């Protein structure tokens, strides 16, 4: 009897999982379908582009500067063990552009943006505002979801590029003021070893991360259950799953871009 119980439990769990995957696949297909067939609300898109992108600049900038500064200190501390202090500028730049810039920006956006999108759409779902859109012959996918997803897709690479610059600047400031690097030599080593492919690979990652955050944030919002508890649960799910998928996608993209 116990074996049958565990078999039934596994089967039930698998069925719930496959149902969720099917609902998510159907949701993604609707986004693609309406993105090419429905109307585009440019004003709403620009509003979300400002809210998602521009208003995220302060937290992204501060995070990037302090991360670059801390990374310079850590690399210098490790490099002194091998008499390789001169690699600090190049490793800071490569590490920020390839890995830390897009990943940190993705995780910050998952916490700030995915939660906001999910809570906003979830509240509209609970208060039946989405049903009112159907009554007004307005498709929620074109009006609510696609502008937010597109804003995330465009904003995150731009924020990552800004974060890369500020992260390198943070490493430069610490390198010159604390580690006593020559400013000209620091900048020369940064430019000499940093390649365009390093920057582009980070922007490619950021584009995928932005898409993940936008899709998961809107998905959890549109599938919110009734009540304030449902809104809270969908908000938590959007942050947790966005962060997990960002880290998983980072590994897959790193494997694809740098495994030569």
Protein backbone atom coordinates (compact mmCIF):
# COMPACT_ATOMS: atom_id res chain seq x y z
CA UNK A 1 0.00 0.00 0.00
CA UNK A 2 2.83 2.39 0.78
CA UNK A 3 4.34 1.80 -2.64
CA UNK A 4 1.03 2.69 -4.29
CA UNK A 5 0.81 5.82 -2.15
CA UNK A 6 4.26 7.04 -3.25
CA UNK A 7 3.56 6.14 -6.89
CA UNK A 8 0.32 8.15 -6.72
CA UNK A 9 2.18 11.06 -5.09
CA UNK A 10 4.86 11.09 -7.80
CA UNK A 11 2.20 10.85 -10.51
CA UNK A 12 0.21 13.72 -9.02
CA UNK A 13 3.32 15.90 -8.72
CA UNK A 14 4.32 15.13 -12.30
CA UNK A 15 0.82 15.92 -13.54
CA UNK A 16 0.80 19.30 -11.74
CA UNK A 17 4.24 20.08 -13.17
CA UNK A 18 3.22 19.22 -16.73
CA UNK A 19 0.05 21.27 -16.34
CA UNK A 20 2.10 24.30 -15.26
CA UNK A 21 4.48 23.80 -18.19
CA UNK A 22 1.54 23.65 -20.57
CA UNK A 23 -0.02 26.81 -19.16
CA UNK A 24 3.31 28.64 -19.43
CA UNK A 25 3.87 27.41 -23.01
CA UNK A 26 0.38 28.60 -23.98
CA UNK A 27 1.04 31.97 -22.35
CA UNK A 28 4.34 32.39 -24.22
CA UNK A 29 2.70 31.43 -27.50
CA UNK A 30 0.00 34.08 -26.96
CA UNK A 31 2.68 36.73 -26.37
CA UNK A 32 4.37 35.86 -29.67
CA UNK A 33 1.04 35.70 -31.49
CA UNK A 34 -0.31 39.04 -30.27
CA UNK A 35 3.08 40.76 -30.59
CA UNK A 36 2.89 40.40 -34.37
CA UNK A 37 -0.87 40.64 -34.92
CA UNK A 38 -2.30 43.07 -32.38
CA UNK A 39 -1.98 46.85 -31.93
CA UNK A 40 1.13 48.32 -30.30
CA UNK A 41 0.58 50.87 -27.52
CA UNK A 42 3.67 53.06 -27.89
CA UNK A 43 2.81 55.48 -25.07
CA UNK A 44 2.33 52.66 -22.57
CA UNK A 45 5.58 51.04 -23.74
CA UNK A 46 7.54 54.28 -23.23
CA UNK A 47 6.04 54.70 -19.77
CA UNK A 48 7.19 51.22 -18.76
CA UNK A 49 10.57 51.79 -20.40
CA UNK A 50 11.09 54.75 -18.06
CA UNK A 51 9.73 52.95 -14.98
CA UNK A 52 11.67 49.75 -15.61
CA UNK A 53 14.84 51.11 -17.17
CA UNK A 54 15.54 54.70 -16.16
CA UNK A 55 14.29 54.40 -12.58
CA UNK A 56 16.49 51.32 -12.06
CA UNK A 57 19.66 53.29 -12.85
CA UNK A 58 20.46 54.41 -9.26
CA UNK A 59 20.44 50.93 -7.72
CA UNK A 60 22.19 49.41 -10.74
CA UNK A 61 24.85 52.14 -10.70
CA UNK A 62 25.59 51.86 -6.98
CA UNK A 63 25.74 48.08 -7.14
CA UNK A 64 28.11 48.16 -10.12
CA UNK A 65 30.48 50.72 -8.58
CA UNK A 66 30.82 48.88 -5.27
CA UNK A 67 31.08 45.49 -6.99
CA UNK A 68 33.90 46.74 -9.23
CA UNK A 69 35.68 48.26 -6.23
CA UNK A 70 35.38 45.09 -4.14
CA UNK A 71 36.44 42.93 -7.09
CA UNK A 72 39.61 45.01 -7.53
CA UNK A 73 40.50 44.55 -3.86
CA UNK A 74 39.88 40.81 -3.99
CA UNK A 75 41.89 40.27 -7.18
CA UNK A 76 44.76 42.37 -5.85
CA UNK A 77 44.75 40.41 -2.59
CA UNK A 78 44.88 37.10 -4.47
CA UNK A 79 47.33 38.35 -7.08
CA UNK A 80 49.92 39.33 -4.48
CA UNK A 81 50.34 35.63 -3.64
CA UNK A 82 51.61 34.98 -7.18
CA UNK A 83 53.25 38.36 -7.88
CA UNK A 84 50.50 39.06 -10.42
CA UNK A 85 49.14 42.38 -9.18
CA UNK A 86 49.27 43.81 -12.70
CA UNK A 87 46.33 41.64 -13.83
CA UNK A 88 43.86 43.58 -11.65
CA UNK A 89 42.66 46.03 -14.34
CA UNK A 90 42.12 43.41 -17.04
CA UNK A 91 40.40 40.83 -14.80
CA UNK A 92 38.11 43.47 -13.27
CA UNK A 93 37.04 44.62 -16.73
CA UNK A 94 36.58 41.10 -18.14
CA UNK A 95 34.82 39.82 -15.02
CA UNK A 96 32.41 42.74 -14.94
CA UNK A 97 31.56 42.66 -18.65
CA UNK A 98 31.31 38.89 -19.07
CA UNK A 99 29.73 37.76 -15.82
CA UNK A 100 29.09 40.09 -12.90
CA UNK A 101 27.52 42.93 -14.88
CA UNK A 102 24.70 41.01 -16.58
CA UNK A 103 24.10 38.61 -13.67
CA UNK A 104 23.92 41.27 -10.97
CA UNK A 105 21.74 43.49 -13.14
CA UNK A 106 19.50 40.51 -13.88
CA UNK A 107 19.11 39.61 -10.21
CA UNK A 108 18.43 43.20 -9.20
CA UNK A 109 15.85 43.55 -11.95
CA UNK A 110 14.29 40.24 -10.88
CA UNK A 111 13.81 41.67 -7.39
CA UNK A 112 12.73 45.16 -8.38
CA UNK A 113 10.91 44.76 -11.68
CA UNK A 114 9.50 41.21 -11.70
CA UNK A 115 7.89 41.75 -8.31
CA UNK A 116 6.44 45.09 -9.37
CA UNK A 117 5.02 43.72 -12.62
CA UNK A 118 3.53 40.69 -10.92
CA UNK A 119 1.96 42.71 -8.09
CA UNK A 120 0.51 45.29 -10.47
CA UNK A 121 -1.02 42.82 -12.92
CA UNK A 122 -2.06 40.51 -10.07
CA UNK A 123 -3.95 43.33 -8.37
CA UNK A 124 -5.68 44.12 -11.65
CA UNK A 125 -6.62 40.45 -11.97
CA UNK A 126 -8.02 40.27 -8.44
CA UNK A 127 -10.01 43.50 -8.80
CA UNK A 128 -11.40 42.32 -12.18
CA UNK A 129 -9.79 45.15 -14.15
CA UNK A 130 -8.49 42.65 -16.69
CA UNK A 131 -12.04 41.40 -17.24
CA UNK A 132 -13.02 45.02 -17.83
CA UNK A 133 -10.42 45.25 -20.61
CA UNK A 134 -12.10 42.38 -22.41
CA UNK A 135 -15.42 44.19 -21.99
CA UNK A 136 -13.88 47.27 -23.63
CA UNK A 137 -12.62 45.09 -26.51
CA UNK A 138 -8.99 45.61 -25.45
CA UNK A 139 -6.65 42.63 -25.48
CA UNK A 140 -4.74 42.42 -22.16
CA UNK A 141 -1.74 40.87 -23.91
CA UNK A 142 -1.26 43.91 -26.13
CA UNK A 143 -2.22 46.42 -23.45
CA UNK A 144 -0.56 44.98 -20.32
CA UNK A 145 1.90 42.20 -21.09
CA UNK A 146 3.74 42.93 -24.34
CA UNK A 147 4.75 46.54 -23.43
CA UNK A 148 6.23 45.32 -20.13
CA UNK A 149 8.06 42.37 -21.68
CA UNK A 150 9.47 44.54 -24.45
CA UNK A 151 10.53 47.21 -21.95
CA UNK A 152 12.42 44.57 -19.92
CA UNK A 153 14.02 43.17 -23.07
CA UNK A 154 15.34 46.59 -24.13
CA UNK A 155 16.14 48.05 -20.70
CA UNK A 156 18.34 45.32 -19.26
CA UNK A 157 21.08 45.37 -21.94
CA UNK A 158 21.27 49.18 -21.66
CA UNK A 159 21.43 48.97 -17.87
CA UNK A 160 24.07 46.26 -18.11
CA UNK A 161 26.21 48.40 -20.42
CA UNK A 162 25.92 51.28 -17.95
CA UNK A 163 26.73 48.91 -15.09
CA UNK A 164 29.82 47.65 -16.95
CA UNK A 165 31.14 51.19 -17.30
CA UNK A 166 30.45 52.07 -13.67
CA UNK A 167 31.87 48.76 -12.43
CA UNK A 168 35.14 49.36 -14.28
CA UNK A 169 35.11 52.90 -12.91
CA UNK A 170 34.75 51.55 -9.37
CA UNK A 171 37.73 49.26 -9.89
CA UNK A 172 39.70 52.17 -11.35
CA UNK A 173 38.99 54.44 -8.39
CA UNK A 174 40.06 51.80 -5.87
CA UNK A 175 43.06 50.80 -7.98
CA UNK A 176 44.34 54.36 -8.20
CA UNK A 177 43.45 55.62 -4.72
CA UNK A 178 43.99 52.54 -2.54
CA UNK A 179 46.15 50.09 -4.51
CA UNK A 180 48.43 52.85 -5.88
CA UNK A 181 48.17 51.94 -9.57
CA UNK A 182 49.28 54.47 -12.12
CA UNK A 183 46.07 55.84 -13.70
CA UNK A 184 47.44 55.73 -17.25
CA UNK A 185 48.74 52.16 -16.88
CA UNK A 186 45.47 51.01 -15.30
CA UNK A 187 43.42 52.37 -18.20
CA UNK A 188 45.92 51.02 -20.73
CA UNK A 189 45.72 47.48 -19.32
CA UNK A 190 41.93 47.70 -19.22
CA UNK A 191 41.65 48.69 -22.88
CA UNK A 192 44.43 46.35 -24.00
CA UNK A 193 42.91 43.10 -22.69
CA UNK A 194 39.19 43.88 -22.90
CA UNK A 195 37.78 42.70 -26.23
CA UNK A 196 34.56 43.64 -27.98
CA UNK A 197 33.39 40.02 -27.70
CA UNK A 198 33.50 40.31 -23.89
CA UNK A 199 31.11 43.25 -23.96
CA UNK A 200 28.78 41.76 -26.57
CA UNK A 201 28.53 38.43 -24.74
CA UNK A 202 27.38 40.24 -21.61
CA UNK A 203 24.76 42.18 -23.57
CA UNK A 204 23.49 38.95 -25.15
CA UNK A 205 23.09 37.48 -21.68
CA UNK A 206 21.30 40.61 -20.49
CA UNK A 207 18.83 40.41 -23.39
CA UNK A 208 17.86 36.86 -22.44
CA UNK A 209 17.64 37.83 -18.76
CA UNK A 210 15.35 40.74 -19.60
CA UNK A 211 13.07 38.46 -21.59
CA UNK A 212 12.96 35.94 -18.73
CA UNK A 213 12.12 38.61 -16.15
CA UNK A 214 9.41 40.19 -18.30
CA UNK A 215 7.74 36.90 -19.22
CA UNK A 216 7.83 35.38 -15.71
CA UNK A 217 6.70 38.61 -14.05
CA UNK A 218 3.67 38.98 -16.33
CA UNK A 219 2.93 35.23 -16.22
CA UNK A 220 2.71 35.13 -12.44
CA UNK A 221 0.68 38.32 -12.42
CA UNK A 222 -1.90 37.18 -14.97
CA UNK A 223 -2.28 33.83 -13.18
CA UNK A 224 -2.81 35.32 -9.73
CA UNK A 225 -5.42 33.60 -7.59
CA UNK A 226 -8.19 35.54 -5.87
CA UNK A 227 -7.38 37.61 -2.80
CA UNK A 228 -4.49 39.55 -1.30
CA UNK A 229 -2.76 36.29 -0.41
CA UNK A 230 -2.77 35.32 -4.10
CA UNK A 231 -1.11 38.62 -5.05
CA UNK A 232 1.60 38.08 -2.44
CA UNK A 233 2.19 34.51 -3.59
CA UNK A 234 2.47 35.50 -7.26
CA UNK A 235 4.91 38.28 -6.34
CA UNK A 236 7.14 35.88 -4.43
CA UNK A 237 6.98 33.31 -7.23
CA UNK A 238 7.97 35.88 -9.84
CA UNK A 239 11.06 36.95 -7.89
CA UNK A 240 12.14 33.42 -6.97
CA UNK A 241 11.62 31.86 -10.40
CA UNK A 242 13.08 34.86 -12.24
CA UNK A 243 16.25 34.66 -10.13
CA UNK A 244 16.55 30.89 -10.61
CA UNK A 245 16.02 31.10 -14.36
CA UNK A 246 18.48 34.00 -14.67
CA UNK A 247 21.21 31.94 -12.99
CA UNK A 248 20.36 28.83 -14.98
CA UNK A 249 20.31 30.78 -18.25
CA UNK A 250 23.63 32.36 -17.31
CA UNK A 251 25.28 28.94 -17.12
CA UNK A 252 23.73 27.78 -20.40
CA UNK A 253 24.74 30.96 -22.22
CA UNK A 254 28.24 30.87 -20.75
CA UNK A 255 28.60 27.30 -21.96
CA UNK A 256 27.39 28.29 -25.42
CA UNK A 257 29.44 31.48 -25.76
CA UNK A 258 32.77 30.54 -24.18
CA UNK A 259 33.09 26.75 -24.50
CA UNK A 260 35.54 26.58 -27.38
